[in-house]
Amino acid sequence: DGKRQAQEPKQETPRLHGITEPNSPTKANTEYPNTPEKQDLDLKSHLMDFKKDVKNSLRETQENINKQVEAYREESQKSLKQFQENTNNQLKELKMEIENIYSQRTWKKTKQNKTKK
């Protein structure tokens, strides 16, 4: 594009903790000069985009967490139901066993009483 000027060479700009990052100035455009106001608008635009990206990322993370929680809830409900069914079956078996023992004792007592007479 004939209206755009050549990009300036990248320079290393020192950052916090000794980290360096290339300085990449925006390309100058004769229609839209690179003024402090334009830079402020660009920064605000980038900040808004970043804010939107973070918000979307947080929403996706929350949706994933909700799906995982629901899956764990369903799994735990299923496990609880199976545990309750197993417990109920064991109780039924124990009741039957107790009734059998009681019936046998009653039958033996009845038989003993008949033999004593």
PDB file of N, CA and C in Angstrom:
ATOM      1  N   ASP A   1       0.858  -1.179   0.000  1.00  0.00           N
ATOM      2  CA  ASP A   1       0.000   0.000   0.000  1.00  0.00           C
ATOM      3  C   ASP A   1       0.892   1.225   0.000  1.00  0.00           C
ATOM      4  N   GLY A   2       0.722   2.110  -0.933  1.00  0.00           N
ATOM      5  CA  GLY A   2       1.570   3.285  -1.078  1.00  0.00           C
ATOM      6  C   GLY A   2       1.374   4.288   0.045  1.00  0.00           C
ATOM      7  N   LYS A   3       0.247   4.236   0.738  1.00  0.00           N
ATOM      8  CA  LYS A   3      -0.015   5.203   1.803  1.00  0.00           C
ATOM      9  C   LYS A   3       0.687   4.835   3.103  1.00  0.00           C
ATOM     10  N   ARG A   4       1.079   3.581   3.265  1.00  0.00           N
ATOM     11  CA  ARG A   4       1.732   3.146   4.500  1.00  0.00           C
ATOM     12  C   ARG A   4       3.232   3.349   4.399  1.00  0.00           C
ATOM     13  N   GLN A   5       3.814   3.798   5.492  1.00  0.00           N
ATOM     14  CA  GLN A   5       5.263   3.981   5.533  1.00  0.00           C
ATOM     15  C   GLN A   5       5.905   2.686   6.002  1.00  0.00           C
ATOM     16  N   ALA A   6       7.197   2.561   5.744  1.00  0.00           N
ATOM     17  CA  ALA A   6       7.924   1.362   6.146  1.00  0.00           C
ATOM     18  C   ALA A   6       7.948   1.271   7.667  1.00  0.00           C
ATOM     19  N   GLN A   7       7.861   0.030   8.156  1.00  0.00           N
ATOM     20  CA  GLN A   7       7.875  -0.182   9.600  1.00  0.00           C
ATOM     21  C   GLN A   7       9.280   0.067  10.136  1.00  0.00           C
ATOM     22  N   GLU A   8       9.344   0.711  11.295  1.00  0.00           N
ATOM     23  CA  GLU A   8      10.632   0.976  11.920  1.00  0.00           C
ATOM     24  C   GLU A   8      11.210  -0.339  12.416  1.00  0.00           C
ATOM     25  N   PRO A   9      12.544  -0.447  12.506  1.00  0.00           N
ATOM     26  CA  PRO A   9      13.142  -1.692  12.998  1.00  0.00           C
ATOM     27  C   PRO A   9      12.742  -1.925  14.457  1.00  0.00           C
ATOM     28  N   LYS A  10      12.559  -3.215  14.812  1.00  0.00           N
ATOM     29  CA  LYS A  10      12.160  -3.560  16.178  1.00  0.00           C
ATOM     30  C   LYS A  10      13.326  -3.324  17.118  1.00  0.00           C
ATOM     31  N   GLN A  11      12.996  -2.805  18.290  1.00  0.00           N
ATOM     32  CA  GLN A  11      13.999  -2.553  19.313  1.00  0.00           C
ATOM     33  C   GLN A  11      13.602  -3.319  20.558  1.00  0.00           C
ATOM     34  N   GLU A  12      14.602  -3.733  21.324  1.00  0.00           N
ATOM     35  CA  GLU A  12      14.340  -4.418  22.579  1.00  0.00           C
ATOM     36  C   GLU A  12      14.095  -3.375  23.659  1.00  0.00           C
ATOM     37  N   THR A  13      12.973  -3.508  24.354  1.00  0.00           N
ATOM     38  CA  THR A  13      12.642  -2.592  25.439  1.00  0.00           C
ATOM     39  C   THR A  13      12.678  -3.376  26.740  1.00  0.00           C
ATOM     40  N   PRO A  14      13.480  -2.949  27.726  1.00  0.00           N
ATOM     41  CA  PRO A  14      13.541  -3.690  28.994  1.00  0.00           C
ATOM     42  C   PRO A  14      12.193  -3.629  29.713  1.00  0.00           C
ATOM     43  N   ARG A  15      11.812  -4.767  30.312  1.00  0.00           N
ATOM     44  CA  ARG A  15      10.574  -4.850  31.085  1.00  0.00           C
ATOM     45  C   ARG A  15      10.906  -5.255  32.505  1.00  0.00           C
ATOM     46  N   LEU A  16       9.909  -5.428  33.313  1.00  0.00           N
ATOM     47  CA  LEU A  16      10.104  -5.813  34.703  1.00  0.00           C
ATOM     48  C   LEU A  16      10.855  -7.128  34.804  1.00  0.00           C
ATOM     49  N   HIS A  17      11.614  -7.285  35.844  1.00  0.00           N
ATOM     50  CA  HIS A  17      12.346  -8.502  36.162  1.00  0.00           C
ATOM     51  C   HIS A  17      13.310  -8.906  35.054  1.00  0.00           C
ATOM     52  N   GLY A  18      13.836  -7.965  34.330  1.00  0.00           N
ATOM     53  CA  GLY A  18      14.852  -8.252  33.325  1.00  0.00           C
ATOM     54  C   GLY A  18      14.315  -8.896  32.063  1.00  0.00           C
ATOM     55  N   ILE A  19      13.013  -8.989  31.907  1.00  0.00           N
ATOM     56  CA  ILE A  19      12.433  -9.583  30.703  1.00  0.00           C
ATOM     57  C   ILE A  19      12.396  -8.524  29.615  1.00  0.00           C
ATOM     58  N   THR A  20      12.776  -8.918  28.412  1.00  0.00           N
ATOM     59  CA  THR A  20      12.737  -7.953  27.315  1.00  0.00           C
ATOM     60  C   THR A  20      11.678  -8.367  26.319  1.00  0.00           C
ATOM     61  N   GLU A  21      11.144  -7.395  25.653  1.00  0.00           N
ATOM     62  CA  GLU A  21      10.099  -7.641  24.656  1.00  0.00           C
ATOM     63  C   GLU A  21      10.353  -6.718  23.477  1.00  0.00           C
ATOM     64  N   PRO A  22      10.185  -7.210  22.263  1.00  0.00           N
ATOM     65  CA  PRO A  22      10.418  -6.321  21.121  1.00  0.00           C
ATOM     66  C   PRO A  22       9.412  -5.173  21.114  1.00  0.00           C
ATOM     67  N   ASN A  23       9.906  -4.005  20.792  1.00  0.00           N
ATOM     68  CA  ASN A  23       9.044  -2.832  20.699  1.00  0.00           C
ATOM     69  C   ASN A  23       8.488  -2.798  19.287  1.00  0.00           C
ATOM     70  N   SER A  24       7.173  -2.960  19.152  1.00  0.00           N
ATOM     71  CA  SER A  24       6.585  -3.002  17.810  1.00  0.00           C
ATOM     72  C   SER A  24       5.644  -1.823  17.643  1.00  0.00           C
ATOM     73  N   PRO A  25       6.165  -0.705  17.163  1.00  0.00           N
ATOM     74  CA  PRO A  25       5.297   0.459  16.973  1.00  0.00           C
ATOM     75  C   PRO A  25       4.290   0.195  15.867  1.00  0.00           C
ATOM     76  N   THR A  26       3.139   0.844  15.978  1.00  0.00           N
ATOM     77  CA  THR A  26       2.114   0.671  14.949  1.00  0.00           C
ATOM     78  C   THR A  26       2.577   1.340  13.669  1.00  0.00           C
ATOM     79  N   LYS A  27       2.138   0.788  12.550  1.00  0.00           N
ATOM     80  CA  LYS A  27       2.515   1.367  11.257  1.00  0.00           C
ATOM     81  C   LYS A  27       1.820   2.712  11.096  1.00  0.00           C
ATOM     82  N   ALA A  28       2.568   3.662  10.643  1.00  0.00           N
ATOM     83  CA  ALA A  28       1.992   4.996  10.440  1.00  0.00           C
ATOM     84  C   ALA A  28       1.173   4.997   9.163  1.00  0.00           C
ATOM     85  N   ASN A  29       0.078   5.705   9.177  1.00  0.00           N
ATOM     86  CA  ASN A  29      -0.796   5.811   8.016  1.00  0.00           C
ATOM     87  C   ASN A  29      -1.040   7.295   7.791  1.00  0.00           C
ATOM     88  N   THR A  30      -0.876   7.737   6.563  1.00  0.00           N
ATOM     89  CA  THR A  30      -1.017   9.173   6.288  1.00  0.00           C
ATOM     90  C   THR A  30      -2.438   9.650   6.538  1.00  0.00           C
ATOM     91  N   GLU A  31      -3.440   8.760   6.372  1.00  0.00           N
ATOM     92  CA  GLU A  31      -4.818   9.169   6.630  1.00  0.00           C
ATOM     93  C   GLU A  31      -5.096   9.269   8.121  1.00  0.00           C
ATOM     94  N   TYR A  32      -4.499   8.363   8.892  1.00  0.00           N
ATOM     95  CA  TYR A  32      -4.719   8.331  10.333  1.00  0.00           C
ATOM     96  C   TYR A  32      -3.371   8.459  11.030  1.00  0.00           C
ATOM     97  N   PRO A  33      -2.945   9.640  11.343  1.00  0.00           N
ATOM     98  CA  PRO A  33      -1.634   9.799  11.987  1.00  0.00           C
ATOM     99  C   PRO A  33      -1.611   9.122  13.353  1.00  0.00           C
ATOM    100  N   ASN A  34      -0.425   8.665  13.742  1.00  0.00           N
ATOM    101  CA  ASN A  34      -0.248   7.947  14.996  1.00  0.00           C
ATOM    102  C   ASN A  34      -0.081   8.951  16.138  1.00  0.00           C
ATOM    103  N   THR A  35      -1.157   9.544  16.565  1.00  0.00           N
ATOM    104  CA  THR A  35      -1.143  10.560  17.620  1.00  0.00           C
ATOM    105  C   THR A  35      -1.352   9.890  18.967  1.00  0.00           C
ATOM    106  N   PRO A  36      -1.041  10.595  20.064  1.00  0.00           N
ATOM    107  CA  PRO A  36      -1.309  10.028  21.396  1.00  0.00           C
ATOM    108  C   PRO A  36      -2.780   9.641  21.561  1.00  0.00           C
ATOM    109  N   GLU A  37      -3.676  10.431  20.988  1.00  0.00           N
ATOM    110  CA  GLU A  37      -5.100  10.104  21.088  1.00  0.00           C
ATOM    111  C   GLU A  37      -5.406   8.796  20.365  1.00  0.00           C
ATOM    112  N   LYS A  38      -4.798   8.629  19.179  1.00  0.00           N
ATOM    113  CA  LYS A  38      -4.995   7.393  18.410  1.00  0.00           C
ATOM    114  C   LYS A  38      -4.416   6.205  19.175  1.00  0.00           C
ATOM    115  N   GLN A  39      -3.250   6.411  19.780  1.00  0.00           N
ATOM    116  CA  GLN A  39      -2.647   5.342  20.574  1.00  0.00           C
ATOM    117  C   GLN A  39      -3.542   4.994  21.760  1.00  0.00           C
ATOM    118  N   ASP A  40      -4.109   6.016  22.413  1.00  0.00           N
ATOM    119  CA  ASP A  40      -5.029   5.765  23.523  1.00  0.00           C
ATOM    120  C   ASP A  40      -6.237   4.959  23.060  1.00  0.00           C
ATOM    121  N   LEU A  41      -6.782   5.334  21.906  1.00  0.00           N
ATOM    122  CA  LEU A  41      -7.928   4.598  21.370  1.00  0.00           C
ATOM    123  C   LEU A  41      -7.550   3.155  21.044  1.00  0.00           C
ATOM    124  N   ASP A  42      -6.349   2.977  20.465  1.00  0.00           N
ATOM    125  CA  ASP A  42      -5.878   1.628  20.155  1.00  0.00           C
ATOM    126  C   ASP A  42      -5.720   0.806  21.434  1.00  0.00           C
ATOM    127  N   LEU A  43      -5.112   1.427  22.456  1.00  0.00           N
ATOM    128  CA  LEU A  43      -4.928   0.725  23.728  1.00  0.00           C
ATOM    129  C   LEU A  43      -6.271   0.371  24.353  1.00  0.00           C
ATOM    130  N   LYS A  44      -7.203   1.313  24.311  1.00  0.00           N
ATOM    131  CA  LYS A  44      -8.534   1.041  24.863  1.00  0.00           C
ATOM    132  C   LYS A  44      -9.209  -0.089  24.095  1.00  0.00           C
ATOM    133  N   SER A  45      -9.042  -0.070  22.784  1.00  0.00           N
ATOM    134  CA  SER A  45      -9.630  -1.126  21.957  1.00  0.00           C
ATOM    135  C   SER A  45      -9.030  -2.485  22.306  1.00  0.00           C
ATOM    136  N   HIS A  46      -7.695  -2.529  22.449  1.00  0.00           N
ATOM    137  CA  HIS A  46      -7.028  -3.780  22.819  1.00  0.00           C
ATOM    138  C   HIS A  46      -7.462  -4.225  24.212  1.00  0.00           C
ATOM    139  N   LEU A  47      -7.583  -3.269  25.114  1.00  0.00           N
ATOM    140  CA  LEU A  47      -8.006  -3.589  26.473  1.00  0.00           C
ATOM    141  C   LEU A  47      -9.429  -4.158  26.472  1.00  0.00           C
ATOM    142  N   MET A  48     -10.314  -3.570  25.695  1.00  0.00           N
ATOM    143  CA  MET A  48     -11.690  -4.058  25.615  1.00  0.00           C
ATOM    144  C   MET A  48     -11.729  -5.462  25.001  1.00  0.00           C
ATOM    145  N   ASP A  49     -10.905  -5.676  23.966  1.00  0.00           N
ATOM    146  CA  ASP A  49     -10.827  -7.012  23.364  1.00  0.00           C
ATOM    147  C   ASP A  49     -10.320  -8.030  24.381  1.00  0.00           C
ATOM    148  N   PHE A  50      -9.285  -7.643  25.121  1.00  0.00           N
ATOM    149  CA  PHE A  50      -8.721  -8.523  26.143  1.00  0.00           C
ATOM    150  C   PHE A  50      -9.769  -8.825  27.213  1.00  0.00           C
ATOM    151  N   LYS A  51     -10.466  -7.787  27.648  1.00  0.00           N
ATOM    152  CA  LYS A  51     -11.510  -7.950  28.664  1.00  0.00           C
ATOM    153  C   LYS A  51     -12.592  -8.911  28.162  1.00  0.00           C
ATOM    154  N   LYS A  52     -12.984  -8.757  26.898  1.00  0.00           N
ATOM    155  CA  LYS A  52     -13.997  -9.625  26.296  1.00  0.00           C
ATOM    156  C   LYS A  52     -13.497 -11.070  26.230  1.00  0.00           C
ATOM    157  N   ASP A  53     -12.232 -11.239  25.835  1.00  0.00           N
ATOM    158  CA  ASP A  53     -11.649 -12.583  25.765  1.00  0.00           C
ATOM    159  C   ASP A  53     -11.616 -13.242  27.141  1.00  0.00           C
ATOM    160  N   VAL A  54     -11.209 -12.472  28.155  1.00  0.00           N
ATOM    161  CA  VAL A  54     -11.151 -13.011  29.515  1.00  0.00           C
ATOM    162  C   VAL A  54     -12.554 -13.394  29.978  1.00  0.00           C
ATOM    163  N   LYS A  55     -13.520 -12.529  29.707  1.00  0.00           N
ATOM    164  CA  LYS A  55     -14.907 -12.807  30.103  1.00  0.00           C
ATOM    165  C   LYS A  55     -15.415 -14.080  29.426  1.00  0.00           C
ATOM    166  N   ASN A  56     -15.140 -14.222  28.125  1.00  0.00           N
ATOM    167  CA  ASN A  56     -15.553 -15.432  27.401  1.00  0.00           C
ATOM    168  C   ASN A  56     -14.867 -16.670  27.954  1.00  0.00           C
ATOM    169  N   SER A  57     -13.581 -16.527  28.247  1.00  0.00           N
ATOM    170  CA  SER A  57     -12.827 -17.647  28.794  1.00  0.00           C
ATOM    171  C   SER A  57     -13.385 -18.058  30.155  1.00  0.00           C
ATOM    172  N   LEU A  58     -13.686 -17.079  30.988  1.00  0.00           N
ATOM    173  CA  LEU A  58     -14.263 -17.379  32.299  1.00  0.00           C
ATOM    174  C   LEU A  58     -15.630 -18.044  32.158  1.00  0.00           C
ATOM    175  N   ARG A  59     -16.437 -17.569  31.224  1.00  0.00           N
ATOM    176  CA  ARG A  59     -17.760 -18.159  31.010  1.00  0.00           C
ATOM    177  C   ARG A  59     -17.617 -19.616  30.554  1.00  0.00           C
ATOM    178  N   GLU A  60     -16.701 -19.863  29.610  1.00  0.00           N
ATOM    179  CA  GLU A  60     -16.480 -21.230  29.138  1.00  0.00           C
ATOM    180  C   GLU A  60     -15.989 -22.122  30.275  1.00  0.00           C
ATOM    181  N   THR A  61     -15.084 -21.581  31.083  1.00  0.00           N
ATOM    182  CA  THR A  61     -14.575 -22.346  32.220  1.00  0.00           C
ATOM    183  C   THR A  61     -15.711 -22.677  33.180  1.00  0.00           C
ATOM    184  N   GLN A  62     -16.554 -21.700  33.477  1.00  0.00           N
ATOM    185  CA  GLN A  62     -17.688 -21.923  34.373  1.00  0.00           C
ATOM    186  C   GLN A  62     -18.644 -22.967  33.795  1.00  0.00           C
ATOM    187  N   GLU A  63     -18.905 -22.893  32.492  1.00  0.00           N
ATOM    188  CA  GLU A  63     -19.782 -23.886  31.853  1.00  0.00           C
ATOM    189  C   GLU A  63     -19.184 -25.285  31.964  1.00  0.00           C
ATOM    190  N   ASN A  64     -17.870 -25.391  31.737  1.00  0.00           N
ATOM    191  CA  ASN A  64     -17.207 -26.693  31.849  1.00  0.00           C
ATOM    192  C   ASN A  64     -17.265 -27.214  33.277  1.00  0.00           C
ATOM    193  N   ILE A  65     -17.046 -26.325  34.236  1.00  0.00           N
ATOM    194  CA  ILE A  65     -17.117 -26.729  35.643  1.00  0.00           C
ATOM    195  C   ILE A  65     -18.527 -27.197  35.971  1.00  0.00           C
ATOM    196  N   ASN A  66     -19.532 -26.456  35.505  1.00  0.00           N
ATOM    197  CA  ASN A  66     -20.920 -26.849  35.767  1.00  0.00           C
ATOM    198  C   ASN A  66     -21.231 -28.219  35.170  1.00  0.00           C
ATOM    199  N   LYS A  67     -20.715 -28.482  33.958  1.00  0.00           N
ATOM    200  CA  LYS A  67     -20.929 -29.787  33.332  1.00  0.00           C
ATOM    201  C   LYS A  67     -20.269 -30.891  34.155  1.00  0.00           C
ATOM    202  N   GLN A  68     -19.046 -30.627  34.632  1.00  0.00           N
ATOM    203  CA  GLN A  68     -18.346 -31.621  35.440  1.00  0.00           C
ATOM    204  C   GLN A  68     -19.081 -31.873  36.751  1.00  0.00           C
ATOM    205  N   VAL A  69     -19.549 -30.794  37.379  1.00  0.00           N
ATOM    206  CA  VAL A  69     -20.284 -30.935  38.638  1.00  0.00           C
ATOM    207  C   VAL A  69     -21.542 -31.766  38.412  1.00  0.00           C
ATOM    208  N   GLU A  70     -22.257 -31.492  37.339  1.00  0.00           N
ATOM    209  CA  GLU A  70     -23.478 -32.246  37.034  1.00  0.00           C
ATOM    210  C   GLU A  70     -23.153 -33.719  36.790  1.00  0.00           C
ATOM    211  N   ALA A  71     -22.061 -33.984  36.074  1.00  0.00           N
ATOM    212  CA  ALA A  71     -21.659 -35.373  35.818  1.00  0.00           C
ATOM    213  C   ALA A  71     -21.307 -36.077  37.130  1.00  0.00           C
ATOM    214  N   TYR A  72     -20.565 -35.391  38.016  1.00  0.00           N
ATOM    215  CA  TYR A  72     -20.226 -35.979  39.317  1.00  0.00           C
ATOM    216  C   TYR A  72     -21.484 -36.205  40.154  1.00  0.00           C
ATOM    217  N   ARG A  73     -22.415 -35.256  40.093  1.00  0.00           N
ATOM    218  CA  ARG A  73     -23.661 -35.394  40.850  1.00  0.00           C
ATOM    219  C   ARG A  73     -24.439 -36.615  40.358  1.00  0.00           C
ATOM    220  N   GLU A  74     -24.557 -36.759  39.043  1.00  0.00           N
ATOM    221  CA  GLU A  74     -25.275 -37.914  38.491  1.00  0.00           C
ATOM    222  C   GLU A  74     -24.587 -39.220  38.875  1.00  0.00           C
ATOM    223  N   GLU A  75     -23.260 -39.214  38.801  1.00  0.00           N
ATOM    224  CA  GLU A  75     -22.508 -40.423  39.147  1.00  0.00           C
ATOM    225  C   GLU A  75     -22.678 -40.767  40.621  1.00  0.00           C
ATOM    226  N   SER A  76     -22.630 -39.753  41.484  1.00  0.00           N
ATOM    227  CA  SER A  76     -22.778 -40.018  42.916  1.00  0.00           C
ATOM    228  C   SER A  76     -24.203 -40.461  43.245  1.00  0.00           C
ATOM    229  N   GLN A  77     -25.209 -39.896  42.558  1.00  0.00           N
ATOM    230  CA  GLN A  77     -26.593 -40.333  42.769  1.00  0.00           C
ATOM    231  C   GLN A  77     -26.764 -41.793  42.346  1.00  0.00           C
ATOM    232  N   LYS A  78     -26.138 -42.144  41.227  1.00  0.00           N
ATOM    233  CA  LYS A  78     -26.210 -43.526  40.747  1.00  0.00           C
ATOM    234  C   LYS A  78     -25.545 -44.468  41.753  1.00  0.00           C
ATOM    235  N   SER A  79     -24.374 -44.065  42.251  1.00  0.00           N
ATOM    236  CA  SER A  79     -23.669 -44.888  43.233  1.00  0.00           C
ATOM    237  C   SER A  79     -24.484 -45.014  44.514  1.00  0.00           C
ATOM    238  N   LEU A  80     -25.079 -43.918  44.953  1.00  0.00           N
ATOM    239  CA  LEU A  80     -25.894 -43.940  46.164  1.00  0.00           C
ATOM    240  C   LEU A  80     -27.097 -44.861  45.982  1.00  0.00           C
ATOM    241  N   LYS A  81     -27.740 -44.785  44.830  1.00  0.00           N
ATOM    242  CA  LYS A  81     -28.898 -45.641  44.552  1.00  0.00           C
ATOM    243  C   LYS A  81     -28.492 -47.115  44.581  1.00  0.00           C
ATOM    244  N   GLN A  82     -27.351 -47.434  43.955  1.00  0.00           N
ATOM    245  CA  GLN A  82     -26.869 -48.817  43.958  1.00  0.00           C
ATOM    246  C   GLN A  82     -26.563 -49.276  45.382  1.00  0.00           C
ATOM    247  N   PHE A  83     -25.945 -48.390  46.173  1.00  0.00           N
ATOM    248  CA  PHE A  83     -25.622 -48.725  47.560  1.00  0.00           C
ATOM    249  C   PHE A  83     -26.904 -48.994  48.346  1.00  0.00           C
ATOM    250  N   GLN A  84     -27.920 -48.129  48.158  1.00  0.00           N
ATOM    251  CA  GLN A  84     -29.189 -48.312  48.862  1.00  0.00           C
ATOM    252  C   GLN A  84     -29.864 -49.621  48.449  1.00  0.00           C
ATOM    253  N   GLU A  85     -29.831 -49.920  47.157  1.00  0.00           N
ATOM    254  CA  GLU A  85     -30.430 -51.172  46.683  1.00  0.00           C
ATOM    255  C   GLU A  85     -29.711 -52.374  47.277  1.00  0.00           C
ATOM    256  N   ASN A  86     -28.379 -52.327  47.297  1.00  0.00           N
ATOM    257  CA  ASN A  86     -27.607 -53.428  47.883  1.00  0.00           C
ATOM    258  C   ASN A  86     -27.907 -53.570  49.369  1.00  0.00           C
ATOM    259  N   THR A  87     -27.996 -52.449  50.063  1.00  0.00           N
ATOM    260  CA  THR A  87     -28.295 -52.477  51.494  1.00  0.00           C
ATOM    261  C   THR A  87     -29.686 -53.058  51.732  1.00  0.00           C
ATOM    262  N   ASN A  88     -30.665 -52.624  50.940  1.00  0.00           N
ATOM    263  CA  ASN A  88     -32.026 -53.155  51.079  1.00  0.00           C
ATOM    264  C   ASN A  88     -32.069 -54.656  50.811  1.00  0.00           C
ATOM    265  N   ASN A  89     -31.345 -55.100  49.797  1.00  0.00           N
ATOM    266  CA  ASN A  89     -31.298 -56.536  49.494  1.00  0.00           C
ATOM    267  C   ASN A  89     -30.665 -57.315  50.640  1.00  0.00           C
ATOM    268  N   GLN A  90     -29.597 -56.779  51.212  1.00  0.00           N
ATOM    269  CA  GLN A  90     -28.949 -57.446  52.341  1.00  0.00           C
ATOM    270  C   GLN A  90     -29.889 -57.501  53.543  1.00  0.00           C
ATOM    271  N   LEU A  91     -30.638 -56.409  53.772  1.00  0.00           N
ATOM    272  CA  LEU A  91     -31.599 -56.396  54.875  1.00  0.00           C
ATOM    273  C   LEU A  91     -32.692 -57.445  54.670  1.00  0.00           C
ATOM    274  N   LYS A  92     -33.195 -57.551  53.452  1.00  0.00           N
ATOM    275  CA  LYS A  92     -34.226 -58.556  53.152  1.00  0.00           C
ATOM    276  C   LYS A  92     -33.696 -59.961  53.419  1.00  0.00           C
ATOM    277  N   GLU A  93     -32.456 -60.212  52.974  1.00  0.00           N
ATOM    278  CA  GLU A  93     -31.855 -61.526  53.195  1.00  0.00           C
ATOM    279  C   GLU A  93     -31.692 -61.809  54.684  1.00  0.00           C
ATOM    280  N   LEU A  94     -31.244 -60.797  55.438  1.00  0.00           N
ATOM    281  CA  LEU A  94     -31.076 -60.977  56.880  1.00  0.00           C
ATOM    282  C   LEU A  94     -32.423 -61.222  57.564  1.00  0.00           C
ATOM    283  N   LYS A  95     -33.455 -60.497  57.160  1.00  0.00           N
ATOM    284  CA  LYS A  95     -34.791 -60.704  57.738  1.00  0.00           C
ATOM    285  C   LYS A  95     -35.282 -62.122  57.467  1.00  0.00           C
ATOM    286  N   MET A  96     -35.075 -62.582  56.237  1.00  0.00           N
ATOM    287  CA  MET A  96     -35.495 -63.943  55.896  1.00  0.00           C
ATOM    288  C   MET A  96     -34.727 -64.966  56.725  1.00  0.00           C
ATOM    289  N   GLU A  97     -33.452 -64.714  56.903  1.00  0.00           N
ATOM    290  CA  GLU A  97     -32.631 -65.630  57.690  1.00  0.00           C
ATOM    291  C   GLU A  97     -33.094 -65.647  59.143  1.00  0.00           C
ATOM    292  N   ILE A  98     -33.391 -64.463  59.685  1.00  0.00           N
ATOM    293  CA  ILE A  98     -33.884 -64.369  61.067  1.00  0.00           C
ATOM    294  C   ILE A  98     -35.228 -65.086  61.189  1.00  0.00           C
ATOM    295  N   GLU A  99     -36.112 -64.886  60.212  1.00  0.00           N
ATOM    296  CA  GLU A  99     -37.416 -65.557  60.232  1.00  0.00           C
ATOM    297  C   GLU A  99     -37.254 -67.072  60.157  1.00  0.00           C
ATOM    298  N   ASN A 100     -36.316 -67.527  59.343  1.00  0.00           N
ATOM    299  CA  ASN A 100     -36.055 -68.973  59.256  1.00  0.00           C
ATOM    300  C   ASN A 100     -35.563 -69.522  60.589  1.00  0.00           C
ATOM    301  N   ILE A 101     -34.634 -68.798  61.208  1.00  0.00           N
ATOM    302  CA  ILE A 101     -34.105 -69.235  62.508  1.00  0.00           C
ATOM    303  C   ILE A 101     -35.229 -69.258  63.537  1.00  0.00           C
ATOM    304  N   TYR A 102     -36.043 -68.212  63.550  1.00  0.00           N
ATOM    305  CA  TYR A 102     -37.151 -68.129  64.495  1.00  0.00           C
ATOM    306  C   TYR A 102     -38.153 -69.263  64.242  1.00  0.00           C
ATOM    307  N   SER A 103     -38.443 -69.516  62.983  1.00  0.00           N
ATOM    308  CA  SER A 103     -39.379 -70.596  62.634  1.00  0.00           C
ATOM    309  C   SER A 103     -38.833 -71.946  63.072  1.00  0.00           C
ATOM    310  N   GLN A 104     -37.543 -72.171  62.869  1.00  0.00           N
ATOM    311  CA  GLN A 104     -36.934 -73.440  63.273  1.00  0.00           C
ATOM    312  C   GLN A 104     -36.995 -73.607  64.786  1.00  0.00           C
ATOM    313  N   ARG A 105     -36.728 -72.552  65.535  1.00  0.00           N
ATOM    314  CA  ARG A 105     -36.785 -72.631  67.004  1.00  0.00           C
ATOM    315  C   ARG A 105     -38.218 -72.901  67.460  1.00  0.00           C
ATOM    316  N   THR A 106     -39.165 -72.209  66.838  1.00  0.00           N
ATOM    317  CA  THR A 106     -40.565 -72.406  67.194  1.00  0.00           C
ATOM    318  C   THR A 106     -40.985 -73.842  66.877  1.00  0.00           C
ATOM    319  N   TRP A 107     -40.560 -74.341  65.730  1.00  0.00           N
ATOM    320  CA  TRP A 107     -40.899 -75.700  65.338  1.00  0.00           C
ATOM    321  C   TRP A 107     -40.290 -76.705  66.316  1.00  0.00           C
ATOM    322  N   LYS A 108     -39.013 -76.475  66.715  1.00  0.00           N
ATOM    323  CA  LYS A 108     -38.344 -77.376  67.661  1.00  0.00           C
ATOM    324  C   LYS A 108     -39.046 -77.351  69.009  1.00  0.00           C
ATOM    325  N   LYS A 109     -39.436 -76.169  69.488  1.00  0.00           N
ATOM    326  CA  LYS A 109     -40.133 -76.069  70.771  1.00  0.00           C
ATOM    327  C   LYS A 109     -41.477 -76.786  70.704  1.00  0.00           C
ATOM    328  N   THR A 110     -42.164 -76.602  69.593  1.00  0.00           N
ATOM    329  CA  THR A 110     -43.457 -77.257  69.419  1.00  0.00           C
ATOM    330  C   THR A 110     -43.272 -78.771  69.412  1.00  0.00           C
ATOM    331  N   LYS A 111     -42.255 -79.250  68.751  1.00  0.00           N
ATOM    332  CA  LYS A 111     -41.969 -80.680  68.668  1.00  0.00           C
ATOM    333  C   LYS A 111     -41.595 -81.220  70.042  1.00  0.00           C
ATOM    334  N   GLN A 112     -40.777 -80.448  70.789  1.00  0.00           N
ATOM    335  CA  GLN A 112     -40.371 -80.868  72.128  1.00  0.00           C
ATOM    336  C   GLN A 112     -41.590 -80.931  73.053  1.00  0.00           C
ATOM    337  N   ASN A 113     -42.445 -79.951  72.955  1.00  0.00           N
ATOM    338  CA  ASN A 113     -43.636 -79.924  73.802  1.00  0.00           C
ATOM    339  C   ASN A 113     -44.546 -81.109  73.485  1.00  0.00           C
ATOM    340  N   LYS A 114     -44.645 -81.502  72.249  1.00  0.00           N
ATOM    341  CA  LYS A 114     -45.481 -82.631  71.855  1.00  0.00           C
ATOM    342  C   LYS A 114     -44.897 -83.938  72.366  1.00  0.00           C
ATOM    343  N   THR A 115     -43.569 -84.028  72.355  1.00  0.00           N
ATOM    344  CA  THR A 115     -42.933 -85.263  72.817  1.00  0.00           C
ATOM    345  C   THR A 115     -43.001 -85.390  74.329  1.00  0.00           C
ATOM    346  N   LYS A 116     -43.075 -84.297  75.069  1.00  0.00           N
ATOM    347  CA  LYS A 116     -43.141 -84.318  76.525  1.00  0.00           C
ATOM    348  C   LYS A 116     -44.523 -84.774  76.985  1.00  0.00           C
ATOM    349  N   LYS A 117     -45.537 -84.554  76.227  1.00  0.00           N
ATOM    350  CA  LYS A 117     -46.900 -84.884  76.637  1.00  0.00           C
ATOM    351  C   LYS A 117     -47.169 -86.317  76.536  1.00  0.00           C
TER     352      LYS A 117
END
